[in-house]
C-alpha cells in the first residue's frame, strides 16, 4: 500500500488439509477430487463451510464489491456477477474488466462456486450470493497525493451510495486511505439508513507505520483485521481502535482473473471478503433481519479474545463465526440500533476519528495479539489509495495444472 488510497494483495504458499465431502453448490453432488484446489482452502475447513452450506449458501443476498472490477468470465464466478457501475472512466472496459485481479479475487472469496473443471475449482464462503461490481479508479492515475485523496473520498462515497441504492445488503471495501472526509461519513450514514452493512479492511502496514486507515475507521463501517492459521493477527494486519472484528487472511486460495485464474493471497482484503461472506450467510438464513440485527448476531457469536477482554486492538471483538450464528443466533436485538459504539460516539463528539492516543496505544506490545477460539478446527493509491489484500505476490493456476505457479510479484502496503 502506498499512503492514501492504494490497493494491495498478499499471496503466499498454500497449506492444505481436510477433504471436501460433498459439494452443495456447482455440479450437483459432485465430489471434490484430490486434484481439486478445494483441499488447499484451509479457511473453509476451519470454518466448517460444508456444514454451514447445508443451512445457508448466501442465496438471495447481494454483496457489492467496491474494487478494481470483477471478471464475470471466471468459471468459478459465472452466473454470480451482476451488472454494476464503472467509476474508472480512465480505464479500458467496464466494471466487468478487472485491471488488477484484486476485485475478482475478493468476489471469488465471497461467492466462488467451485464450478471450474467439473467442480474442482475454488469456492467462496457464500457461494449462493450475488456480486455487484463497482470499479474504482486505478492507483497512480491522480496528479499527486492530495488529488488522489480527494478523488478517493469522492469516488468511494459515490460507490457506497450506488451500492445502497441498488439494494446491496453487504458492501465490501478492500481499499484504504489515510484520510477520511465528511463526504465519506455521510455516504456511510446513507448506506446504513438504506439497510446496508459495510465491511472494510484495516490495512496491511501493521508491521510498519500502522496508520489508521479509512473507510475502515469511519463510524458505521466494520473494520476487519486478518488472522493466520494460528488464529492470531497476522504481522502485516494493522491494529488499533478501528478494528471491530477479524477473519482468516493468510494463504487464501481463491478464484481470480479470467479463464482458469487462481490466486493465493494474504491480507486484510481477504479477511474483509470473508467477513462480508459471513454476513451474507447469516442474512440469507434470516432475510427479515435488519443490517443492525445481522451485525449484532455476528458480534454476539464471535470468538472473543482469549485474554478474557471484551475486545483488543488486534482482533477487535473477536473472529467471525458464522457457523455458530447459523446454529444458535440468539436474540438479534433492536432492528434500528447500530450495535457498535463508534457511530453513537461520533454523533456525540465533534471529532469522529480515533484519537492519537488510542492509535499510539495500538502499537504497544502485550495482550493485543491474543487470538480467539473462533474458527478452531477441533471444534464442532498517484493516488494514495491501496488494495489491502493483494500485496506481496500473486499466484495463478494455469490450464488446470495441479501446481500453483508464481507468475508475478507486486509490492504494496494495502490491506
Protein backbone atom coordinates (compact mmCIF):
# COMPACT_ATOMS: atom_id res chain seq x y z
CA UNK A 1 0.00 0.00 0.00
CA UNK A 2 1.14 3.46 -0.62
CA UNK A 3 -0.30 6.11 1.58
CA UNK A 4 -3.84 7.15 0.97
CA UNK A 5 -5.71 5.03 -1.43
CA UNK A 6 -3.60 2.25 -2.86
CA UNK A 7 -4.60 -1.37 -3.03
CA UNK A 8 -2.64 -4.38 -2.18
CA UNK A 9 -2.79 -8.14 -2.43
CA UNK A 10 -0.64 -10.53 -0.50
CA UNK A 11 -0.07 -14.01 -1.82
CA UNK A 12 1.89 -16.78 -0.12
CA UNK A 13 2.15 -20.56 -0.14
CA UNK A 14 -0.88 -22.71 0.47
CA UNK A 15 -1.29 -25.33 3.16
CA UNK A 16 -3.87 -27.97 2.55
CA UNK A 17 -5.98 -30.02 4.90
CA UNK A 18 -9.27 -31.90 5.16
CA UNK A 19 -11.29 -33.45 2.36
CA UNK A 20 -14.44 -31.93 0.98
CA UNK A 21 -17.18 -34.48 1.42
CA UNK A 22 -19.95 -33.20 -0.78
CA UNK A 23 -20.24 -30.12 -2.91
CA UNK A 24 -23.57 -28.47 -2.23
CA UNK A 25 -23.13 -25.92 -4.99
CA UNK A 26 -21.83 -26.23 -8.54
CA UNK A 27 -22.37 -29.55 -10.31
CA UNK A 28 -24.99 -31.40 -8.30
CA UNK A 29 -23.41 -33.70 -5.75
CA UNK A 30 -20.01 -33.68 -7.43
CA UNK A 31 -17.24 -34.90 -5.11
CA UNK A 32 -14.04 -32.91 -4.71
CA UNK A 33 -11.17 -34.98 -6.03
CA UNK A 34 -7.62 -34.97 -4.75
CA UNK A 35 -6.51 -32.81 -7.65
CA UNK A 36 -9.10 -30.21 -6.77
CA UNK A 37 -7.91 -26.90 -5.42
CA UNK A 38 -10.53 -27.12 -2.69
CA UNK A 39 -8.24 -29.01 -0.33
CA UNK A 40 -5.92 -26.01 -0.28
CA UNK A 41 -8.67 -23.73 1.05
CA UNK A 42 -7.85 -24.24 4.71
CA UNK A 43 -10.14 -21.44 5.86
CA UNK A 44 -13.22 -23.25 4.57
CA UNK A 45 -12.25 -26.34 6.55
CA UNK A 46 -11.56 -24.28 9.69
CA UNK A 47 -14.92 -22.54 9.40
CA UNK A 48 -16.78 -25.80 8.66
CA UNK A 49 -18.11 -24.44 5.38
CA UNK A 50 -19.75 -27.62 4.15
CA UNK A 51 -21.73 -27.86 7.36
CA UNK A 52 -22.89 -24.26 7.01
CA UNK A 53 -23.86 -24.76 3.37
CA UNK A 54 -26.45 -27.31 4.48
CA UNK A 55 -28.20 -24.38 6.16
CA UNK A 56 -27.22 -21.36 4.04
CA UNK A 57 -25.13 -20.56 0.98
CA UNK A 58 -25.86 -16.82 0.94
CA UNK A 59 -28.66 -17.18 -1.60
CA UNK A 60 -30.77 -14.05 -2.03
CA UNK A 61 -28.03 -11.73 -0.77
CA UNK A 62 -26.15 -9.22 -2.91
CA UNK A 63 -22.62 -8.23 -1.93
CA UNK A 64 -21.25 -5.08 -3.55
CA UNK A 65 -17.52 -5.34 -4.25
CA UNK A 66 -16.03 -1.84 -4.48
CA UNK A 67 -12.71 -2.63 -6.07
CA UNK A 68 -10.81 -2.98 -9.36
CA UNK A 69 -13.66 -4.62 -11.25
CA UNK A 70 -14.87 -8.23 -11.30
CA UNK A 71 -14.23 -10.54 -14.25
CA UNK A 72 -17.50 -12.37 -14.78
CA UNK A 73 -15.88 -14.86 -17.19
CA UNK A 74 -14.01 -16.67 -14.43
CA UNK A 75 -15.54 -20.17 -14.35
CA UNK A 76 -15.98 -20.08 -10.58
CA UNK A 77 -17.93 -16.82 -10.82
CA UNK A 78 -20.14 -17.49 -13.81
CA UNK A 79 -23.72 -16.62 -13.00
CA UNK A 80 -22.73 -14.85 -9.77
CA UNK A 81 -21.83 -11.38 -11.11
CA UNK A 82 -24.48 -8.73 -11.74
CA UNK A 83 -24.29 -5.61 -13.90
CA UNK A 84 -22.72 -2.89 -11.76
CA UNK A 85 -21.08 0.51 -12.04
CA UNK A 86 -17.83 1.69 -13.60
CA UNK A 87 -16.32 4.66 -11.76
CA UNK A 88 -12.96 4.38 -13.56
CA UNK A 89 -13.51 6.13 -16.91
CA UNK A 90 -9.76 6.39 -17.41
CA UNK A 91 -9.51 2.59 -17.74
CA UNK A 92 -10.50 0.38 -20.66
CA UNK A 93 -13.58 -1.75 -20.33
CA UNK A 94 -16.19 -1.50 -17.59
CA UNK A 95 -17.00 -2.90 -14.16
CA UNK A 96 -16.51 -6.42 -15.56
CA UNK A 97 -12.95 -5.58 -16.61
CA UNK A 98 -10.58 -6.17 -13.71
CA UNK A 99 -7.34 -4.23 -14.20
CA UNK A 100 -5.53 -5.84 -11.25
CA UNK A 101 -7.26 -9.18 -10.44
CA UNK A 102 -7.97 -7.86 -6.95
CA UNK A 103 -11.70 -7.31 -7.27
CA UNK A 104 -12.18 -10.69 -8.92
CA UNK A 105 -10.20 -12.26 -6.11
CA UNK A 106 -12.43 -10.69 -3.46
CA UNK A 107 -15.52 -11.81 -5.37
CA UNK A 108 -14.04 -15.32 -5.54
CA UNK A 109 -13.54 -15.46 -1.78
CA UNK A 110 -17.14 -14.35 -1.29
CA UNK A 111 -19.10 -16.21 -3.95
CA UNK A 112 -16.87 -18.66 -5.82
CA UNK A 113 -18.86 -21.78 -6.80
CA UNK A 114 -16.02 -24.23 -7.46
CA UNK A 115 -17.50 -24.95 -10.89
CA UNK A 116 -14.21 -24.87 -12.80
CA UNK A 117 -13.15 -28.20 -14.28
CA UNK A 118 -16.25 -30.10 -13.26
CA UNK A 119 -16.38 -28.96 -9.67
CA UNK A 120 -12.64 -28.90 -8.99
CA UNK A 121 -12.41 -25.12 -8.72
CA UNK A 122 -12.22 -22.64 -5.86
CA UNK A 123 -15.10 -21.91 -3.52
CA UNK A 124 -16.11 -18.76 -1.75
CA UNK A 125 -17.61 -18.85 1.72
CA UNK A 126 -21.06 -17.80 0.43
CA UNK A 127 -21.30 -19.47 -3.00
CA UNK A 128 -25.00 -18.64 -3.34
CA UNK A 129 -24.54 -14.88 -3.01
CA UNK A 130 -24.55 -12.45 -5.94
CA UNK A 131 -21.78 -9.91 -6.60
CA UNK A 132 -22.46 -6.28 -7.54
CA UNK A 133 -19.19 -4.98 -9.03
CA UNK A 134 -18.29 -1.30 -8.66
CA UNK A 135 -14.98 -0.39 -10.29
CA UNK A 136 -12.81 2.27 -8.69
CA UNK A 137 -10.08 4.32 -10.47
CA UNK A 138 -6.67 2.72 -10.75
CA UNK A 139 -3.87 3.65 -8.40
CA UNK A 140 -1.29 6.08 -9.66
CA UNK A 141 -3.55 7.92 -12.08
CA UNK A 142 -4.07 11.04 -9.96
CA UNK A 143 -1.72 14.03 -10.31
CA UNK A 144 -0.47 13.90 -6.71
CA UNK A 145 -1.32 12.59 -3.27
CA UNK A 146 -3.68 15.42 -2.41
CA UNK A 147 -5.55 14.91 -5.66
CA UNK A 148 -5.58 11.16 -5.05
CA UNK A 149 -7.02 11.61 -1.58
CA UNK A 150 -9.72 13.90 -2.88
CA UNK A 151 -10.64 11.59 -5.73
CA UNK A 152 -10.70 8.55 -3.47
CA UNK A 153 -13.02 10.23 -0.98
CA UNK A 154 -15.38 11.38 -3.70
CA UNK A 155 -15.38 8.14 -5.67
CA UNK A 156 -15.72 5.68 -2.81
CA UNK A 157 -18.57 7.80 -1.44
CA UNK A 158 -20.34 7.58 -4.81
CA UNK A 159 -19.71 3.84 -4.86
CA UNK A 160 -21.20 3.32 -1.39
CA UNK A 161 -24.31 5.31 -2.26
CA UNK A 162 -24.73 3.45 -5.54
CA UNK A 163 -24.42 0.08 -3.80
CA UNK A 164 -27.05 1.06 -1.24
CA UNK A 165 -29.41 2.35 -3.92
CA UNK A 166 -29.04 -0.93 -5.84
CA UNK A 167 -30.12 -2.88 -2.80
CA UNK A 168 -26.80 -4.47 -1.85
CA UNK A 169 -27.27 -5.78 1.67
CA UNK A 170 -23.50 -6.09 2.15
CA UNK A 171 -20.82 -3.67 0.89
CA UNK A 172 -17.24 -4.96 0.73
CA UNK A 173 -14.41 -2.40 0.52
CA UNK A 174 -10.87 -3.76 0.33
CA UNK A 175 -9.35 -0.30 -0.16
CA UNK A 176 -7.73 2.10 2.26
CA UNK A 177 -6.81 5.77 2.51
CA UNK A 178 -5.08 7.72 5.27
CA UNK A 179 -7.77 10.39 5.13
CA UNK A 180 -11.45 10.29 5.90
CA UNK A 181 -13.90 13.00 4.91
CA UNK A 182 -17.32 14.36 5.77
CA UNK A 183 -18.44 13.16 2.34
CA UNK A 184 -17.43 9.61 3.20
CA UNK A 185 -19.05 9.83 6.62
CA UNK A 186 -22.33 10.97 5.05
CA UNK A 187 -22.19 8.20 2.44
CA UNK A 188 -21.74 5.58 5.16
CA UNK A 189 -24.68 7.00 7.10
CA UNK A 190 -26.76 6.98 3.91
CA UNK A 191 -25.99 3.30 3.28
CA UNK A 192 -26.74 2.31 6.87
CA UNK A 193 -30.06 4.15 6.71
CA UNK A 194 -30.85 2.27 3.48
CA UNK A 195 -30.23 -1.02 5.29
CA UNK A 196 -26.73 -1.99 4.15
CA UNK A 197 -23.78 -3.31 6.16
CA UNK A 198 -20.30 -2.06 5.26
CA UNK A 199 -17.09 -4.05 5.84
CA UNK A 200 -13.64 -2.58 5.13
CA UNK A 201 -10.10 -3.83 5.67
CA UNK A 202 -7.97 -2.00 8.20
CA UNK A 203 -4.77 -2.16 6.13
CA UNK A 204 -1.59 -4.18 5.72
CA UNK A 205 1.03 -1.96 7.32
CA UNK A 206 0.76 -3.35 10.84
CA UNK A 207 4.45 -4.19 10.92
CA UNK A 208 5.36 -0.72 9.63
CA UNK A 209 3.62 2.63 10.05
CA UNK A 210 0.35 1.12 11.30
CA UNK A 211 -1.60 4.25 10.43
CA UNK A 212 -5.33 4.49 10.99
CA UNK A 213 -6.96 3.92 7.61
CA UNK A 214 -10.29 4.83 6.04
CA UNK A 215 -13.00 3.87 5.30
CA UNK A 216 -12.39 1.19 7.99
CA UNK A 217 -12.07 3.87 10.69
CA UNK A 218 -15.20 5.70 9.57
CA UNK A 219 -18.00 5.40 12.16
CA UNK A 220 -20.55 2.87 10.93
CA UNK A 221 -18.01 0.83 8.94
CA UNK A 222 -16.97 -2.56 10.33
CA UNK A 223 -13.15 -2.58 10.37
CA UNK A 224 -11.74 -6.05 9.65
CA UNK A 225 -8.29 -7.36 10.61
CA UNK A 226 -6.63 -10.56 9.37
CA UNK A 227 -5.71 -13.68 11.30
CA UNK A 228 -3.48 -16.54 10.18
CA UNK A 229 -3.79 -20.28 10.56
CA UNK A 230 -2.62 -19.95 14.15
CA UNK A 231 -5.70 -17.77 14.87
CA UNK A 232 -3.53 -14.78 15.78
CA UNK A 233 -3.36 -11.44 14.00
CA UNK A 234 -1.04 -11.64 11.02
CA UNK A 235 2.09 -9.50 11.22
CA UNK A 236 1.01 -7.10 8.50
CA UNK A 237 -2.57 -6.64 9.68
CA UNK A 238 -2.99 -3.18 11.11
CA UNK A 239 -4.22 -2.82 14.68
CA UNK A 240 -5.86 -0.15 16.76
CA UNK A 241 -9.27 1.11 17.90
CA UNK A 242 -10.61 0.93 14.34
CA UNK A 243 -10.53 -2.91 14.42
CA UNK A 244 -14.00 -4.33 15.07
CA UNK A 245 -13.50 -7.98 14.13
CA UNK A 246 -11.11 -10.35 12.42
CA UNK A 247 -11.30 -13.14 9.85
CA UNK A 248 -8.92 -15.51 8.06
CA UNK A 249 -6.49 -13.65 5.81
CA UNK A 250 -3.41 -15.82 5.28
CA UNK A 251 -2.60 -18.08 2.32
CA UNK A 252 -6.07 -17.69 0.89
CA UNK A 253 -6.54 -19.71 -2.30
CA UNK A 254 -9.37 -18.42 -4.48
CA UNK A 255 -10.56 -17.62 -7.99
CA UNK A 256 -9.16 -14.50 -9.64
CA UNK A 257 -8.87 -13.14 -13.17
CA UNK A 258 -10.47 -14.78 -16.19
CA UNK A 259 -10.24 -18.21 -17.75
CA UNK A 260 -8.73 -20.55 -15.13
CA UNK A 261 -7.26 -17.82 -12.94
CA UNK A 262 -6.49 -18.92 -9.41
CA UNK A 263 -4.61 -16.89 -6.80
CA UNK A 264 -3.11 -17.33 -3.38
CA UNK A 265 -3.14 -14.11 -1.34
CA UNK A 266 -2.86 -12.80 2.21
CA UNK A 267 -4.04 -9.60 3.81
CA UNK A 268 -6.95 -7.74 5.30
CA UNK A 269 -8.62 -7.55 1.90
CA UNK A 270 -9.10 -11.30 2.09
CA UNK A 271 -10.29 -11.10 5.68
CA UNK A 272 -12.82 -8.43 4.72
CA UNK A 273 -14.23 -10.65 1.99
CA UNK A 274 -14.65 -13.48 4.50
CA UNK A 275 -16.44 -11.17 6.94
CA UNK A 276 -18.73 -9.96 4.14
CA UNK A 277 -19.47 -13.55 3.11
CA UNK A 278 -20.21 -14.44 6.74
CA UNK A 279 -22.81 -11.69 6.89
CA UNK A 280 -24.32 -12.98 3.64
CA UNK A 281 -24.70 -16.49 5.08
CA UNK A 282 -26.48 -15.20 8.18
CA UNK A 283 -28.69 -12.74 6.33
CA UNK A 284 -29.75 -15.39 3.83
CA UNK A 285 -30.97 -17.58 6.69
CA UNK A 286 -32.78 -14.62 8.31
CA UNK A 287 -33.87 -12.38 5.41
CA UNK A 288 -36.23 -10.31 7.55
CA UNK A 289 -33.48 -9.14 9.87
CA UNK A 290 -32.11 -5.62 9.50
CA UNK A 291 -28.46 -4.75 8.99
CA UNK A 292 -28.19 -3.93 12.69
CA UNK A 293 -29.54 -7.32 13.71
CA UNK A 294 -27.23 -9.24 11.39
CA UNK A 295 -24.21 -7.38 12.74
CA UNK A 296 -25.35 -7.81 16.34
CA UNK A 297 -25.63 -11.58 15.89
CA UNK A 298 -22.16 -11.64 14.28
CA UNK A 299 -20.80 -9.85 17.36
CA UNK A 300 -22.77 -12.00 19.83
CA UNK A 301 -21.45 -15.25 18.32
CA UNK A 302 -17.90 -14.10 17.66
CA UNK A 303 -14.86 -15.93 19.05
CA UNK A 304 -13.80 -13.43 21.70
CA UNK A 305 -10.17 -12.66 22.64
CA UNK A 306 -8.65 -15.45 24.71
CA UNK A 307 -7.27 -12.99 27.26
CA UNK A 308 -10.77 -12.51 28.60
CA UNK A 309 -11.04 -8.93 27.36
CA UNK A 310 -14.19 -7.78 25.61
CA UNK A 311 -12.06 -6.61 22.68
CA UNK A 312 -8.48 -5.81 21.83
CA UNK A 313 -6.76 -3.75 19.18
CA UNK A 314 -5.56 -6.75 17.20
CA UNK A 315 -8.76 -8.68 16.51
CA UNK A 316 -11.40 -6.28 17.82
CA UNK A 317 -14.29 -8.13 19.46
CA UNK A 318 -13.05 -11.41 18.01
CA UNK A 319 -13.01 -13.71 14.99
CA UNK A 320 -16.16 -14.20 12.91
CA UNK A 321 -18.02 -17.48 13.45
CA UNK A 322 -20.96 -17.65 11.04
CA UNK A 323 -21.37 -21.35 11.83
CA UNK A 324 -22.28 -20.52 15.42
CA UNK A 325 -24.54 -17.69 14.26
CA UNK A 326 -26.41 -20.08 11.99
CA UNK A 327 -26.78 -22.74 14.71
CA UNK A 328 -27.70 -20.57 17.66
CA UNK A 329 -28.00 -16.88 16.77
CA UNK A 330 -29.68 -15.81 19.99
CA UNK A 331 -31.61 -12.57 20.24
CA UNK A 332 -30.89 -10.26 17.25
CA UNK A 333 -31.95 -7.30 19.34
CA UNK A 334 -33.39 -3.95 18.21
CA UNK A 335 -33.89 -3.56 14.48
CA UNK A 336 -32.95 0.11 14.39
CA UNK A 337 -29.99 0.31 16.78
CA UNK A 338 -26.45 0.06 15.39
CA UNK A 339 -24.60 -2.35 17.71
CA UNK A 340 -21.05 -0.93 17.59
CA UNK A 341 -20.29 2.09 19.80
CA UNK A 342 -18.41 4.23 17.29
CA UNK A 343 -21.47 5.55 15.48
CA UNK A 344 -23.18 6.85 18.61
CA UNK A 345 -19.88 8.23 19.87
CA UNK A 346 -19.33 10.09 16.61
CA UNK A 347 -22.73 11.73 16.87
CA UNK A 348 -21.90 12.89 20.38
CA UNK A 349 -18.42 14.10 19.51
CA UNK A 350 -17.07 16.80 17.26
CA UNK A 351 -14.20 14.51 16.23
CA UNK A 352 -15.32 11.14 14.83
CA UNK A 353 -11.78 9.92 14.13
CA UNK A 354 -9.89 7.67 16.57
CA UNK A 355 -7.71 9.75 18.90
CA UNK A 356 -3.97 9.97 18.52
CA UNK A 357 -3.58 8.47 21.97
CA UNK A 358 -5.65 5.45 21.02
CA UNK A 359 -3.60 5.00 17.86
CA UNK A 360 -0.38 5.06 19.84
CA UNK A 361 -1.78 2.51 22.27
CA UNK A 362 -2.43 0.18 19.35
CA UNK A 363 1.32 -0.11 18.75
CA UNK A 364 2.06 -1.20 22.31
CA UNK A 365 3.05 -4.86 22.80
CA UNK A 366 1.23 -7.11 25.20
CA UNK A 367 -2.17 -8.73 25.10
CA UNK A 368 -3.19 -7.20 21.79
CA UNK A 369 -2.01 -10.26 19.88
CA UNK A 370 -4.32 -12.64 21.72
CA UNK A 371 -6.25 -14.89 19.41
CA UNK A 372 -9.80 -16.16 19.62
CA UNK A 373 -11.14 -19.68 19.64
CA UNK A 374 -13.30 -18.66 16.73
CA UNK A 375 -12.52 -20.98 13.87
CA UNK A 376 -10.76 -23.74 15.75
CA UNK A 377 -10.64 -26.81 13.50
CA UNK A 378 -11.07 -29.02 16.55
CA UNK A 379 -14.44 -27.54 17.36
CA UNK A 380 -17.85 -28.95 16.16
CA UNK A 381 -3.19 4.52 -4.34
CA UNK A 382 -0.62 8.87 -7.85
CA UNK A 383 -3.45 8.38 -5.55
CA UNK A 384 -2.53 7.09 -2.19
CA UNK A 385 -5.27 4.53 -2.06
CA UNK A 386 -4.28 0.90 -1.77
CA UNK A 387 -5.57 -2.56 -2.28
CA UNK A 388 -5.40 -4.20 1.08
CA UNK A 389 -5.48 -7.81 0.04
CA UNK A 390 -3.17 -8.29 -2.90
CA UNK A 391 0.14 -7.21 -1.59
CA UNK A 392 3.09 -9.49 -1.58
CA UNK A 393 2.82 -11.66 -4.60
CA UNK A 394 0.33 -13.25 -6.98
CA UNK A 395 -0.06 -16.92 -7.75
CA UNK A 396 -2.08 -18.20 -10.69
CA UNK A 397 -3.13 -21.72 -11.56
CA UNK A 398 -2.99 -22.03 -15.35
CA UNK A 399 -4.63 -24.54 -17.67
CA UNK A 400 -5.76 -26.95 -14.98
CA UNK A 401 -2.27 -27.77 -13.70
CA UNK A 402 -2.26 -29.01 -10.14
CA UNK A 403 0.65 -26.84 -9.05
CA UNK A 404 0.35 -23.16 -8.27
CA UNK A 405 2.93 -21.15 -10.12
CA UNK A 406 4.11 -17.72 -9.07
CA UNK A 407 3.79 -15.53 -12.11
CA UNK A 408 4.44 -12.11 -10.70
CA UNK A 409 5.14 -10.16 -7.55
CA UNK A 410 3.99 -6.74 -6.66
CA UNK A 411 4.80 -4.62 -3.67
CA UNK A 412 2.23 -2.50 -1.93
CA UNK A 413 1.05 -1.58 1.50
CA UNK A 414 -2.62 -2.22 1.28
CA UNK A 415 -4.89 -4.44 3.32
